[in-house]
Amino acid sequence: FLKNILEGAGYKVKACVDGKEAFTALKLNKYDMLISDVEMPRMDGFELTEAVIKDKTLSDMPIVLVTSLSKKEHQERGIEVGANAYIIKSSFEQSNLLEVVKRLI
C-alpha cells in the first residue's frame, strides 16, 4: 500500500519482507529514507530504527514508522529509538505521508 503511494508520487521504493532484510538492504545500497512498519518478523521496526541510528553510516537517515500501534507508549518508544515521525495507520492519510516524506528528505 505504502509502496504504491510513494511510487505514484514519483519516488523509487525498495520493499522488504522484514527488518533484517531492510537493514541488509540499507547497508548494501544508498537510500534517502526509511519508512517501516513496527510489527515485523525477525527484527521489528523499533529494533530496525535502533540499528540504523547506531550505525555510523546510516545514522543521519530520516526514519518514519507507520503502524497500527496507537498507544501513547508505542509512539513514545518510536521517538525514543530515533524515528523522525510516527504515523498511525488508523488515522492515515496519503497526503500526510507525502508531506512528512517531503519535509524529511
Protein backbone atom coordinates (compact mmCIF):
# COMPACT_ATOMS: atom_id res chain seq x y z
CA PHE A 1 0.00 0.00 0.00
CA LEU A 2 2.69 2.50 1.01
CA LYS A 3 4.87 1.41 -1.90
CA ASN A 4 2.08 2.25 -4.36
CA ILE A 5 1.51 5.67 -2.80
CA LEU A 6 5.19 6.56 -2.85
CA GLU A 7 5.80 5.27 -6.37
CA GLY A 8 2.69 7.14 -7.54
CA ALA A 9 4.28 10.31 -6.16
CA GLY A 10 7.47 9.62 -8.15
CA TYR A 11 9.68 8.01 -5.52
CA LYS A 12 11.74 4.87 -6.11
CA VAL A 13 10.89 2.28 -3.46
CA LYS A 14 12.58 -0.90 -2.25
CA ALA A 15 10.16 -3.08 -0.28
CA CYS A 16 11.49 -5.65 2.20
CA VAL A 17 9.72 -8.51 3.94
CA ASP A 18 11.13 -7.82 7.41
CA GLY A 19 13.50 -5.69 9.43
CA LYS A 20 16.58 -7.86 8.90
CA GLU A 21 16.16 -7.74 5.13
CA ALA A 22 15.65 -3.98 5.33
CA PHE A 23 18.79 -3.45 7.43
CA THR A 24 20.84 -5.54 4.99
CA ALA A 25 19.47 -3.52 2.06
CA LEU A 26 20.31 -0.27 3.85
CA LYS A 27 23.89 -1.44 4.38
CA LEU A 28 24.33 -2.50 0.75
CA ASN A 29 22.69 0.40 -1.07
CA LYS A 30 22.12 4.15 -0.75
CA TYR A 31 18.62 5.24 0.28
CA ASP A 32 17.28 8.67 1.23
CA MET A 33 14.79 7.50 3.85
CA LEU A 34 13.46 4.51 5.77
CA ILE A 35 9.72 4.00 6.13
CA SER A 36 8.95 0.98 8.27
CA ASP A 37 6.11 -0.82 9.94
CA VAL A 38 6.71 -1.65 13.59
CA GLU A 39 5.26 -5.14 13.62
CA MET A 40 7.56 -7.35 11.50
CA PRO A 41 9.17 -10.76 11.93
CA ARG A 42 12.84 -11.28 12.84
CA MET A 43 13.51 -7.57 13.58
CA ASP A 44 10.65 -5.20 14.39
CA GLY A 45 10.55 -1.54 13.42
CA PHE A 46 11.79 -0.35 16.81
CA GLU A 47 14.81 -2.67 16.61
CA LEU A 48 15.43 -1.65 12.99
CA THR A 49 15.30 2.03 13.92
CA GLU A 50 17.75 1.49 16.77
CA ALA A 51 20.13 -0.43 14.48
CA VAL A 52 20.03 2.32 11.85
CA ILE A 53 20.63 5.08 14.40
CA LYS A 54 23.57 3.18 15.95
CA ASP A 55 25.23 2.58 12.56
CA LYS A 56 27.60 5.46 11.77
CA THR A 57 27.00 5.18 8.02
CA LEU A 58 23.20 5.30 8.39
CA SER A 59 22.60 7.42 11.49
CA ASP A 60 21.59 10.57 9.56
CA MET A 61 18.86 8.76 7.60
CA PRO A 62 15.34 10.05 8.25
CA ILE A 63 13.06 7.32 9.64
CA VAL A 64 9.26 7.19 9.57
CA LEU A 65 7.36 4.47 11.43
CA VAL A 66 3.90 3.66 10.07
CA THR A 67 1.97 1.31 12.32
CA SER A 68 -1.34 0.24 13.81
CA LEU A 69 0.18 0.54 17.31
CA SER A 70 -1.58 3.67 18.52
CA LYS A 71 -0.96 3.68 22.27
CA LYS A 72 0.99 6.62 23.62
CA GLU A 73 3.77 4.34 24.91
CA HIS A 74 4.29 2.94 21.39
CA GLN A 75 4.53 6.44 19.93
CA GLU A 76 6.94 7.49 22.68
CA ARG A 77 9.09 4.42 22.11
CA GLY A 78 9.23 5.15 18.39
CA ILE A 79 10.52 8.64 19.02
CA GLU A 80 12.88 7.43 21.80
CA VAL A 81 14.58 4.91 19.47
CA GLY A 82 15.13 7.65 16.91
CA ALA A 83 12.21 7.83 14.48
CA ASN A 84 11.63 11.27 12.99
CA ALA A 85 7.91 10.62 12.57
CA TYR A 86 5.33 8.11 13.80
CA ILE A 87 2.19 7.70 11.68
CA ILE A 88 -0.73 5.65 12.97
CA LYS A 89 -2.48 3.59 10.29
CA SER A 90 -5.98 4.17 11.68
CA SER A 91 -5.59 7.92 11.11
CA PHE A 92 -3.50 7.51 7.97
CA GLU A 93 -3.94 9.96 5.12
CA GLN A 94 -1.95 9.70 1.92
CA SER A 95 -1.29 13.43 1.85
CA ASN A 96 0.08 13.30 5.41
CA LEU A 97 2.62 10.61 4.48
CA LEU A 98 3.77 12.52 1.39
CA GLU A 99 4.03 15.74 3.39
CA VAL A 100 6.20 14.01 6.02
CA VAL A 101 8.41 12.48 3.32
CA LYS A 102 8.91 15.84 1.57
CA ARG A 103 9.72 17.53 4.87
CA LEU A 104 12.32 14.93 5.90
CA ILE A 105 14.18 14.36 2.62
